[in-house]
Amino acid sequence: MQKVEVSREKIVEVLESKSPKSLTEVYRHLGGVGKLSGSTGKRMRTLVPDIEKVLAGNRAGEGKGEGNPEATSRISGKSKGPKNAGRTVYVRHSKNPFREGSNYALAFDVLAFFPEGLPLAEWRERYAKAARKSLKLASYDIQVLLTAKDTPTGERHKSCRDGFYIERQCDHVTLKF
């Protein structure tokens, strides 16, 4: 296991140039790998007593360094934290009949976000990216939702809830209520 040299000068240099948001980021900029141990964190705090204030300022966006650029998304929504970092978040539709947090609900929300509808392949790709699934696995969930056709209460797959249907014209799908 490689030892990381932690000195006041190196920590101050990282704080000024990189604009880290946590002690772990400082540790990694110093060459550390994996998790930050409690003893190393304690040593960093004793070497630079105001490190917590500087990191809090960086988290608030007051950092001076280059840091990591903020990820922007064309689709707005609330992010639940690091789990959703880098992912597109689709806002839950008010008429979504599926259990919140389920994959069917996410597939529904992806299509509902586009009132004019989407080409089937694009819907599958957007859902796969949002759900972090392969295209093959994403297509299985999409197929369940595609069984809802013609009427909001018509015949469908047993996992597909009532209250909506999908209008399909060639390769273009549109959500209807």
N, C-alpha and C. Protein backbone atom coordinates (compact mmCIF):
# COMPACT_ATOMS: atom_id res chain seq x y z
N MET A 1 0.84 -1.17 0.00
CA MET A 1 0.00 0.00 0.00
C MET A 1 0.88 1.24 0.00
N GLN A 2 0.57 2.20 -0.87
CA GLN A 2 1.38 3.39 -1.04
C GLN A 2 1.05 4.41 0.05
N LYS A 3 2.09 5.00 0.65
CA LYS A 3 1.90 6.04 1.66
C LYS A 3 1.75 7.38 0.95
N VAL A 4 0.83 8.20 1.46
CA VAL A 4 0.62 9.53 0.90
C VAL A 4 1.26 10.53 1.84
N GLU A 5 2.12 11.38 1.28
CA GLU A 5 2.78 12.39 2.10
C GLU A 5 1.82 13.56 2.29
N VAL A 6 1.45 13.81 3.55
CA VAL A 6 0.52 14.89 3.88
C VAL A 6 1.30 15.96 4.62
N SER A 7 1.47 17.12 3.98
CA SER A 7 2.14 18.25 4.62
C SER A 7 1.28 19.49 4.46
N ARG A 8 1.49 20.46 5.31
CA ARG A 8 0.70 21.69 5.28
C ARG A 8 0.82 22.37 3.91
N GLU A 9 2.05 22.45 3.36
CA GLU A 9 2.28 23.13 2.09
C GLU A 9 1.49 22.46 0.95
N LYS A 10 1.54 21.13 0.92
CA LYS A 10 0.84 20.41 -0.15
C LYS A 10 -0.68 20.56 -0.03
N ILE A 11 -1.19 20.52 1.19
CA ILE A 11 -2.64 20.67 1.39
C ILE A 11 -3.08 22.06 0.96
N VAL A 12 -2.33 23.10 1.37
CA VAL A 12 -2.68 24.47 1.00
C VAL A 12 -2.61 24.64 -0.51
N GLU A 13 -1.62 24.04 -1.14
CA GLU A 13 -1.50 24.11 -2.60
C GLU A 13 -2.72 23.49 -3.29
N VAL A 14 -3.15 22.33 -2.81
CA VAL A 14 -4.33 21.66 -3.39
C VAL A 14 -5.58 22.51 -3.15
N LEU A 15 -5.72 23.07 -1.96
CA LEU A 15 -6.90 23.90 -1.65
C LEU A 15 -6.97 25.12 -2.55
N GLU A 16 -5.84 25.71 -2.89
CA GLU A 16 -5.83 26.91 -3.72
C GLU A 16 -5.99 26.61 -5.20
N SER A 17 -5.42 25.50 -5.67
CA SER A 17 -5.42 25.24 -7.10
C SER A 17 -6.59 24.38 -7.59
N LYS A 18 -7.06 23.47 -6.79
CA LYS A 18 -8.06 22.50 -7.26
C LYS A 18 -9.48 22.77 -6.80
N SER A 19 -9.68 23.53 -5.74
CA SER A 19 -11.00 23.83 -5.20
C SER A 19 -11.78 22.57 -4.82
N PRO A 20 -11.20 21.68 -3.99
CA PRO A 20 -11.91 20.46 -3.59
C PRO A 20 -13.08 20.77 -2.65
N LYS A 21 -14.06 19.87 -2.64
CA LYS A 21 -15.26 20.07 -1.83
C LYS A 21 -15.29 19.19 -0.58
N SER A 22 -14.33 18.29 -0.43
CA SER A 22 -14.31 17.40 0.72
C SER A 22 -12.88 17.00 1.05
N LEU A 23 -12.70 16.48 2.26
CA LEU A 23 -11.38 16.00 2.66
C LEU A 23 -10.93 14.84 1.77
N THR A 24 -11.86 14.03 1.35
CA THR A 24 -11.52 12.90 0.49
C THR A 24 -10.96 13.40 -0.84
N GLU A 25 -11.56 14.47 -1.39
CA GLU A 25 -11.04 15.03 -2.64
C GLU A 25 -9.62 15.56 -2.44
N VAL A 26 -9.36 16.22 -1.32
CA VAL A 26 -8.02 16.71 -1.02
C VAL A 26 -7.06 15.53 -0.97
N TYR A 27 -7.47 14.47 -0.29
CA TYR A 27 -6.66 13.26 -0.15
C TYR A 27 -6.34 12.66 -1.53
N ARG A 28 -7.31 12.63 -2.40
CA ARG A 28 -7.10 12.05 -3.73
C ARG A 28 -6.21 12.95 -4.60
N HIS A 29 -6.34 14.28 -4.45
CA HIS A 29 -5.46 15.18 -5.18
C HIS A 29 -4.02 15.05 -4.70
N LEU A 30 -3.83 14.65 -3.46
CA LEU A 30 -2.49 14.43 -2.93
C LEU A 30 -1.91 13.08 -3.38
N GLY A 31 -2.70 12.27 -4.06
CA GLY A 31 -2.23 10.98 -4.56
C GLY A 31 -2.80 9.79 -3.84
N GLY A 32 -3.72 10.01 -2.90
CA GLY A 32 -4.32 8.92 -2.17
C GLY A 32 -5.30 8.14 -3.03
N VAL A 33 -5.46 6.87 -2.73
CA VAL A 33 -6.38 6.00 -3.46
C VAL A 33 -7.32 5.36 -2.45
N GLY A 34 -8.57 5.25 -2.80
CA GLY A 34 -9.53 4.60 -1.92
C GLY A 34 -10.10 5.56 -0.90
N LYS A 35 -10.48 5.00 0.24
CA LYS A 35 -11.14 5.80 1.28
C LYS A 35 -10.11 6.55 2.12
N LEU A 36 -10.53 7.69 2.65
CA LEU A 36 -9.70 8.48 3.54
C LEU A 36 -9.84 7.91 4.95
N SER A 37 -8.71 7.57 5.57
CA SER A 37 -8.78 7.02 6.92
C SER A 37 -9.02 8.13 7.93
N GLY A 38 -9.54 7.77 9.07
CA GLY A 38 -9.82 8.75 10.11
C GLY A 38 -8.56 9.43 10.62
N SER A 39 -7.48 8.67 10.73
CA SER A 39 -6.23 9.26 11.24
C SER A 39 -5.64 10.26 10.25
N THR A 40 -5.74 9.96 8.95
CA THR A 40 -5.24 10.89 7.95
C THR A 40 -6.10 12.15 7.92
N GLY A 41 -7.40 12.00 8.04
CA GLY A 41 -8.29 13.15 8.09
C GLY A 41 -8.01 14.03 9.29
N LYS A 42 -7.75 13.39 10.42
CA LYS A 42 -7.43 14.13 11.65
C LYS A 42 -6.12 14.90 11.49
N ARG A 43 -5.13 14.25 10.86
CA ARG A 43 -3.84 14.90 10.64
C ARG A 43 -4.01 16.10 9.71
N MET A 44 -4.85 15.97 8.67
CA MET A 44 -5.10 17.08 7.75
C MET A 44 -5.76 18.25 8.48
N ARG A 45 -6.70 17.95 9.36
CA ARG A 45 -7.37 19.00 10.12
C ARG A 45 -6.42 19.72 11.08
N THR A 46 -5.48 18.99 11.66
CA THR A 46 -4.53 19.63 12.59
C THR A 46 -3.49 20.46 11.84
N LEU A 47 -3.07 20.01 10.65
CA LEU A 47 -2.09 20.76 9.88
C LEU A 47 -2.68 22.07 9.33
N VAL A 48 -3.95 22.02 8.89
CA VAL A 48 -4.62 23.20 8.36
C VAL A 48 -5.93 23.36 9.14
N PRO A 49 -5.90 24.14 10.24
CA PRO A 49 -7.07 24.24 11.12
C PRO A 49 -8.34 24.77 10.45
N ASP A 50 -8.22 25.64 9.47
CA ASP A 50 -9.42 26.21 8.83
C ASP A 50 -9.83 25.46 7.57
N ILE A 51 -9.39 24.23 7.41
CA ILE A 51 -9.68 23.46 6.19
C ILE A 51 -11.19 23.22 6.01
N GLU A 52 -11.92 23.01 7.11
CA GLU A 52 -13.36 22.78 7.02
C GLU A 52 -14.07 24.01 6.45
N LYS A 53 -13.64 25.22 6.84
CA LYS A 53 -14.25 26.46 6.33
C LYS A 53 -13.99 26.61 4.84
N VAL A 54 -12.77 26.30 4.42
CA VAL A 54 -12.42 26.41 3.00
C VAL A 54 -13.24 25.41 2.18
N LEU A 55 -13.36 24.18 2.66
CA LEU A 55 -14.14 23.16 1.95
C LEU A 55 -15.61 23.53 1.89
N ALA A 56 -16.14 24.10 2.98
CA ALA A 56 -17.55 24.53 2.99
C ALA A 56 -17.75 25.65 1.97
N GLY A 57 -16.78 26.55 1.87
CA GLY A 57 -16.86 27.61 0.87
C GLY A 57 -16.83 27.05 -0.54
N ASN A 58 -16.01 26.03 -0.77
CA ASN A 58 -15.95 25.40 -2.08
C ASN A 58 -17.27 24.71 -2.43
N ARG A 59 -17.88 24.07 -1.42
CA ARG A 59 -19.18 23.43 -1.66
C ARG A 59 -20.25 24.46 -2.00
N ALA A 60 -20.14 25.65 -1.43
CA ALA A 60 -21.11 26.72 -1.68
C ALA A 60 -20.83 27.42 -3.01
N GLY A 61 -19.72 27.09 -3.67
CA GLY A 61 -19.43 27.67 -4.96
C GLY A 61 -18.51 28.87 -4.89
N GLU A 62 -17.83 29.08 -3.78
CA GLU A 62 -16.95 30.22 -3.62
C GLU A 62 -15.50 29.88 -3.93
N GLY A 63 -15.25 28.70 -4.48
CA GLY A 63 -13.88 28.26 -4.72
C GLY A 63 -13.19 29.09 -5.78
N LYS A 64 -11.84 29.20 -5.70
CA LYS A 64 -11.08 30.01 -6.63
C LYS A 64 -10.46 29.16 -7.74
N GLY A 65 -10.28 27.89 -7.51
CA GLY A 65 -9.53 27.04 -8.43
C GLY A 65 -10.36 26.56 -9.59
N GLU A 66 -9.73 25.71 -10.40
CA GLU A 66 -10.41 25.21 -11.58
C GLU A 66 -11.48 24.19 -11.23
N GLY A 67 -11.22 23.30 -10.29
CA GLY A 67 -12.21 22.33 -9.79
C GLY A 67 -12.87 21.53 -10.89
N ASN A 68 -13.92 20.85 -10.53
CA ASN A 68 -14.71 20.10 -11.49
C ASN A 68 -15.85 20.96 -11.96
N PRO A 69 -16.12 21.04 -13.27
CA PRO A 69 -17.23 21.85 -13.74
C PRO A 69 -18.56 21.25 -13.31
N GLU A 70 -19.53 22.12 -13.10
CA GLU A 70 -20.87 21.67 -12.72
C GLU A 70 -21.50 20.93 -13.89
N ALA A 71 -22.12 19.81 -13.64
CA ALA A 71 -22.80 19.07 -14.68
C ALA A 71 -24.13 19.75 -14.95
N THR A 72 -24.41 19.98 -16.21
CA THR A 72 -25.67 20.61 -16.55
C THR A 72 -26.54 19.61 -17.29
N SER A 73 -27.81 19.74 -17.12
CA SER A 73 -28.75 18.83 -17.75
C SER A 73 -29.84 19.63 -18.42
N ARG A 74 -30.25 19.19 -19.57
CA ARG A 74 -31.31 19.88 -20.30
C ARG A 74 -32.65 19.68 -19.59
N ILE A 75 -32.74 18.62 -18.84
CA ILE A 75 -33.98 18.28 -18.17
C ILE A 75 -33.84 18.61 -16.70
N SER A 76 -34.74 19.43 -16.20
CA SER A 76 -34.63 19.82 -14.80
C SER A 76 -35.34 18.82 -13.91
N GLY A 77 -34.93 18.77 -12.67
CA GLY A 77 -35.54 17.86 -11.70
C GLY A 77 -34.68 17.83 -10.46
N LYS A 78 -35.19 17.26 -9.42
CA LYS A 78 -34.45 17.19 -8.17
C LYS A 78 -33.53 15.98 -8.20
N SER A 79 -32.29 16.22 -7.84
CA SER A 79 -31.31 15.16 -7.76
C SER A 79 -31.29 14.63 -6.34
N LYS A 80 -31.19 13.33 -6.18
CA LYS A 80 -31.20 12.73 -4.85
C LYS A 80 -29.81 12.63 -4.25
N GLY A 81 -28.78 13.07 -4.96
CA GLY A 81 -27.44 13.04 -4.40
C GLY A 81 -26.46 12.34 -5.30
N PRO A 82 -25.40 11.82 -4.73
CA PRO A 82 -24.34 11.23 -5.53
C PRO A 82 -24.80 10.07 -6.40
N LYS A 83 -25.84 9.36 -5.98
CA LYS A 83 -26.31 8.24 -6.78
C LYS A 83 -26.76 8.72 -8.16
N ASN A 84 -27.35 9.90 -8.22
CA ASN A 84 -27.85 10.42 -9.47
C ASN A 84 -26.86 11.32 -10.19
N ALA A 85 -25.67 11.45 -9.70
CA ALA A 85 -24.69 12.34 -10.31
C ALA A 85 -24.43 11.91 -11.74
N GLY A 86 -24.52 12.87 -12.64
CA GLY A 86 -24.26 12.59 -14.04
C GLY A 86 -25.43 11.98 -14.78
N ARG A 87 -26.50 11.72 -14.13
CA ARG A 87 -27.67 11.12 -14.76
C ARG A 87 -28.70 12.18 -15.06
N THR A 88 -29.49 11.95 -16.07
CA THR A 88 -30.60 12.83 -16.38
C THR A 88 -31.76 12.44 -15.48
N VAL A 89 -32.36 13.43 -14.85
CA VAL A 89 -33.45 13.17 -13.92
C VAL A 89 -34.75 13.65 -14.55
N TYR A 90 -35.71 12.76 -14.66
CA TYR A 90 -37.01 13.09 -15.21
C TYR A 90 -37.98 13.31 -14.07
N VAL A 91 -38.75 14.38 -14.16
CA VAL A 91 -39.71 14.73 -13.13
C VAL A 91 -40.88 13.75 -13.21
N ARG A 92 -41.36 13.32 -12.05
CA ARG A 92 -42.48 12.38 -12.01
C ARG A 92 -43.75 13.04 -12.53
N HIS A 93 -44.41 12.38 -13.46
CA HIS A 93 -45.66 12.89 -14.04
C HIS A 93 -46.80 12.69 -13.06
N SER A 94 -47.72 13.63 -13.01
CA SER A 94 -48.81 13.56 -12.03
C SER A 94 -49.76 12.38 -12.28
N LYS A 95 -49.84 11.89 -13.52
CA LYS A 95 -50.73 10.77 -13.82
C LYS A 95 -50.01 9.44 -13.94
N ASN A 96 -48.81 9.37 -13.41
CA ASN A 96 -48.03 8.13 -13.46
C ASN A 96 -48.66 7.11 -12.50
N PRO A 97 -49.18 5.98 -13.03
CA PRO A 97 -49.85 5.01 -12.17
C PRO A 97 -48.92 4.01 -11.49
N PHE A 98 -47.64 4.04 -11.81
CA PHE A 98 -46.70 3.05 -11.28
C PHE A 98 -46.11 3.50 -9.95
N ARG A 99 -45.65 2.54 -9.16
CA ARG A 99 -45.04 2.81 -7.87
C ARG A 99 -43.81 3.70 -8.06
N GLU A 100 -43.69 4.72 -7.21
CA GLU A 100 -42.57 5.64 -7.31
C GLU A 100 -41.26 4.90 -7.10
N GLY A 101 -40.31 5.17 -7.96
CA GLY A 101 -39.01 4.53 -7.87
C GLY A 101 -38.89 3.26 -8.70
N SER A 102 -39.99 2.78 -9.26
CA SER A 102 -39.91 1.56 -10.06
C SER A 102 -39.41 1.89 -11.46
N ASN A 103 -38.91 0.89 -12.15
CA ASN A 103 -38.41 1.10 -13.50
C ASN A 103 -39.54 1.40 -14.48
N TYR A 104 -40.71 0.81 -14.28
CA TYR A 104 -41.84 1.14 -15.15
C TYR A 104 -42.22 2.61 -14.99
N ALA A 105 -42.16 3.11 -13.75
CA ALA A 105 -42.47 4.52 -13.51
C ALA A 105 -41.47 5.42 -14.22
N LEU A 106 -40.21 5.04 -14.21
CA LEU A 106 -39.19 5.83 -14.89
C LEU A 106 -39.40 5.81 -16.40
N ALA A 107 -39.71 4.66 -16.96
CA ALA A 107 -39.98 4.57 -18.39
C ALA A 107 -41.19 5.43 -18.76
N PHE A 108 -42.22 5.41 -17.91
CA PHE A 108 -43.41 6.24 -18.12
C PHE A 108 -43.02 7.71 -18.10
N ASP A 109 -42.23 8.13 -17.11
CA ASP A 109 -41.84 9.54 -16.97
C ASP A 109 -40.98 10.01 -18.13
N VAL A 110 -40.13 9.15 -18.65
CA VAL A 110 -39.30 9.54 -19.80
C VAL A 110 -40.20 9.86 -20.99
N LEU A 111 -41.18 9.02 -21.24
CA LEU A 111 -42.08 9.27 -22.37
C LEU A 111 -43.01 10.45 -22.08
N ALA A 112 -43.47 10.58 -20.84
CA ALA A 112 -44.37 11.67 -20.49
C ALA A 112 -43.69 13.03 -20.57
N PHE A 113 -42.37 13.07 -20.45
CA PHE A 113 -41.65 14.33 -20.53
C PHE A 113 -41.75 14.96 -21.91
N PHE A 114 -42.03 14.14 -22.92
CA PHE A 114 -42.16 14.61 -24.30
C PHE A 114 -43.62 14.48 -24.74
N PRO A 115 -44.43 15.52 -24.56
CA PRO A 115 -45.86 15.43 -24.88
C PRO A 115 -46.13 15.09 -26.35
N GLU A 116 -45.22 15.49 -27.24
CA GLU A 116 -45.40 15.19 -28.66
C GLU A 116 -44.96 13.78 -29.02
N GLY A 117 -44.40 13.06 -28.06
CA GLY A 117 -43.97 11.68 -28.27
C GLY A 117 -42.52 11.60 -28.71
N LEU A 118 -42.07 10.37 -28.91
CA LEU A 118 -40.68 10.09 -29.30
C LEU A 118 -40.64 8.92 -30.26
N PRO A 119 -39.59 8.84 -31.07
CA PRO A 119 -39.36 7.60 -31.81
C PRO A 119 -39.06 6.49 -30.79
N LEU A 120 -39.51 5.31 -31.06
CA LEU A 120 -39.36 4.19 -30.14
C LEU A 120 -37.91 3.96 -29.74
N ALA A 121 -37.00 4.01 -30.69
CA ALA A 121 -35.58 3.76 -30.40
C ALA A 121 -35.02 4.84 -29.46
N GLU A 122 -35.42 6.09 -29.66
CA GLU A 122 -34.93 7.17 -28.80
C GLU A 122 -35.48 7.03 -27.38
N TRP A 123 -36.75 6.63 -27.27
CA TRP A 123 -37.34 6.40 -25.93
C TRP A 123 -36.56 5.31 -25.20
N ARG A 124 -36.26 4.23 -25.92
CA ARG A 124 -35.52 3.12 -25.33
C ARG A 124 -34.14 3.58 -24.88
N GLU A 125 -33.45 4.36 -25.70
CA GLU A 125 -32.11 4.84 -25.35
C GLU A 125 -32.14 5.79 -24.16
N ARG A 126 -33.09 6.71 -24.14
CA ARG A 126 -33.19 7.65 -23.02
C ARG A 126 -33.52 6.92 -21.72
N TYR A 127 -34.42 5.96 -21.80
CA TYR A 127 -34.78 5.19 -20.61
C TYR A 127 -33.59 4.35 -20.13
N ALA A 128 -32.87 3.73 -21.06
CA ALA A 128 -31.71 2.90 -20.69
C ALA A 128 -30.66 3.75 -19.97
N LYS A 129 -30.44 4.95 -20.46
CA LYS A 129 -29.46 5.83 -19.82
C LYS A 129 -29.93 6.27 -18.44
N ALA A 130 -31.19 6.64 -18.32
CA ALA A 130 -31.73 7.09 -17.03
C ALA A 130 -31.76 5.96 -16.00
N ALA A 131 -32.03 4.74 -16.45
CA ALA A 131 -32.14 3.60 -15.54
C ALA A 131 -30.81 2.86 -15.37
N ARG A 132 -29.81 3.29 -16.11
CA ARG A 132 -28.50 2.61 -16.08
C ARG A 132 -28.64 1.14 -16.42
N LYS A 133 -29.31 0.88 -17.53
CA LYS A 133 -29.50 -0.49 -18.00
C LYS A 133 -28.96 -0.60 -19.42
N SER A 134 -28.72 -1.82 -19.83
CA SER A 134 -28.35 -2.03 -21.23
C SER A 134 -29.60 -1.85 -22.09
N LEU A 135 -29.41 -1.63 -23.38
CA LEU A 135 -30.55 -1.45 -24.27
C LEU A 135 -31.44 -2.69 -24.29
N LYS A 136 -30.83 -3.86 -24.19
CA LYS A 136 -31.60 -5.10 -24.21
C LYS A 136 -32.53 -5.18 -22.99
N LEU A 137 -32.00 -4.91 -21.80
CA LEU A 137 -32.83 -4.96 -20.60
C LEU A 137 -33.86 -3.84 -20.57
N ALA A 138 -33.49 -2.67 -21.08
CA ALA A 138 -34.43 -1.55 -21.13
C ALA A 138 -35.60 -1.87 -22.06
N SER A 139 -35.33 -2.59 -23.14
CA SER A 139 -36.40 -2.90 -24.09
C SER A 139 -37.47 -3.80 -23.47
N TYR A 140 -37.10 -4.63 -22.48
CA TYR A 140 -38.10 -5.48 -21.83
C TYR A 140 -39.11 -4.62 -21.06
N ASP A 141 -38.64 -3.61 -20.33
CA ASP A 141 -39.56 -2.73 -19.61
C ASP A 141 -40.42 -1.92 -20.58
N ILE A 142 -39.80 -1.46 -21.66
CA ILE A 142 -40.53 -0.69 -22.66
C ILE A 142 -41.65 -1.54 -23.27
N GLN A 143 -41.37 -2.82 -23.51
CA GLN A 143 -42.37 -3.71 -24.12
C GLN A 143 -43.59 -3.88 -23.21
N VAL A 144 -43.38 -3.90 -21.89
CA VAL A 144 -44.50 -4.01 -20.97
C VAL A 144 -45.40 -2.78 -21.12
N LEU A 145 -44.80 -1.58 -21.18
CA LEU A 145 -45.60 -0.36 -21.34
C LEU A 145 -46.28 -0.30 -22.71
N LEU A 146 -45.64 -0.86 -23.72
CA LEU A 146 -46.22 -0.84 -25.06
C LEU A 146 -47.45 -1.74 -25.20
N THR A 147 -47.69 -2.61 -24.22
CA THR A 147 -48.89 -3.45 -24.29
C THR A 147 -50.16 -2.65 -24.01
N ALA A 148 -50.03 -1.44 -23.47
CA ALA A 148 -51.18 -0.56 -23.22
C ALA A 148 -51.51 0.18 -24.50
N LYS A 149 -52.47 -0.34 -25.25
CA LYS A 149 -52.82 0.31 -26.52
C LYS A 149 -54.33 0.46 -26.65
N ASP A 150 -54.74 1.37 -27.47
CA ASP A 150 -56.13 1.64 -27.85
C ASP A 150 -56.94 2.40 -26.80
N THR A 151 -57.04 1.91 -25.56
CA THR A 151 -57.84 2.61 -24.54
C THR A 151 -57.10 2.60 -23.20
N PRO A 152 -57.45 3.55 -22.31
CA PRO A 152 -56.78 3.61 -21.00
C PRO A 152 -57.01 2.38 -20.12
N THR A 153 -58.07 1.60 -20.42
CA THR A 153 -58.35 0.42 -19.59
C THR A 153 -58.38 -0.86 -20.41
N GLY A 154 -57.82 -0.83 -21.61
CA GLY A 154 -57.86 -1.99 -22.50
C GLY A 154 -56.95 -3.11 -22.03
N GLU A 155 -56.89 -4.17 -22.86
CA GLU A 155 -56.09 -5.34 -22.54
C GLU A 155 -54.61 -4.98 -22.55
N ARG A 156 -53.87 -5.52 -21.56
CA ARG A 156 -52.45 -5.20 -21.42
C ARG A 156 -51.75 -6.26 -20.59
N HIS A 157 -50.43 -6.15 -20.49
CA HIS A 157 -49.62 -7.04 -19.66
C HIS A 157 -50.05 -6.89 -18.20
N LYS A 158 -49.94 -7.97 -17.42
CA LYS A 158 -50.42 -7.92 -16.03
C LYS A 158 -49.65 -6.92 -15.17
N SER A 159 -48.42 -6.58 -15.54
CA SER A 159 -47.64 -5.58 -14.78
C SER A 159 -47.91 -4.15 -15.20
N CYS A 160 -48.62 -3.99 -16.30
CA CYS A 160 -48.90 -2.66 -16.83
C CYS A 160 -50.21 -2.14 -16.25
N ARG A 161 -50.17 -1.03 -15.53
CA ARG A 161 -51.34 -0.46 -14.86
C ARG A 161 -52.28 0.23 -15.83
N ASP A 162 -53.52 0.40 -15.38
CA ASP A 162 -54.53 1.12 -16.16
C ASP A 162 -54.33 2.63 -15.98
N GLY A 163 -55.04 3.41 -16.83
CA GLY A 163 -55.04 4.86 -16.68
C GLY A 163 -54.33 5.59 -17.82
N PHE A 164 -53.74 4.85 -18.74
CA PHE A 164 -53.05 5.48 -19.88
C PHE A 164 -52.99 4.46 -21.01
N TYR A 165 -52.65 4.95 -22.19
CA TYR A 165 -52.32 4.05 -23.28
C TYR A 165 -51.30 4.73 -24.17
N ILE A 166 -50.66 3.95 -25.00
CA ILE A 166 -49.61 4.46 -25.86
C ILE A 166 -50.07 4.33 -27.31
N GLU A 167 -50.12 5.47 -27.95
CA GLU A 167 -50.50 5.51 -29.36
C GLU A 167 -49.24 5.31 -30.18
N ARG A 168 -49.29 4.36 -31.07
CA ARG A 168 -48.10 4.01 -31.85
C ARG A 168 -48.40 4.18 -33.33
N GLN A 169 -47.64 5.06 -33.97
CA GLN A 169 -47.77 5.27 -35.42
C GLN A 169 -46.43 4.95 -36.04
N CYS A 170 -46.35 3.82 -36.69
CA CYS A 170 -45.10 3.29 -37.23
C CYS A 170 -44.07 3.15 -36.10
N ASP A 171 -43.06 4.03 -36.10
CA ASP A 171 -42.01 3.93 -35.09
C ASP A 171 -42.09 5.05 -34.05
N HIS A 172 -43.17 5.82 -34.08
CA HIS A 172 -43.33 6.97 -33.17
C HIS A 172 -44.38 6.63 -32.09
N VAL A 173 -44.02 6.82 -30.82
CA VAL A 173 -44.94 6.51 -29.72
C VAL A 173 -45.28 7.79 -28.96
N THR A 174 -46.57 7.88 -28.58
CA THR A 174 -47.07 9.03 -27.84
C THR A 174 -47.92 8.53 -26.67
N LEU A 175 -47.75 9.16 -25.51
CA LEU A 175 -48.49 8.78 -24.32
C LEU A 175 -49.84 9.49 -24.32
N LYS A 176 -50.91 8.78 -24.09
CA LYS A 176 -52.27 9.33 -24.05
C LYS A 176 -52.96 8.93 -22.76
N PHE A 177 -53.87 9.78 -22.30
CA PHE A 177 -54.60 9.51 -21.06
C PHE A 177 -56.08 9.40 -21.30
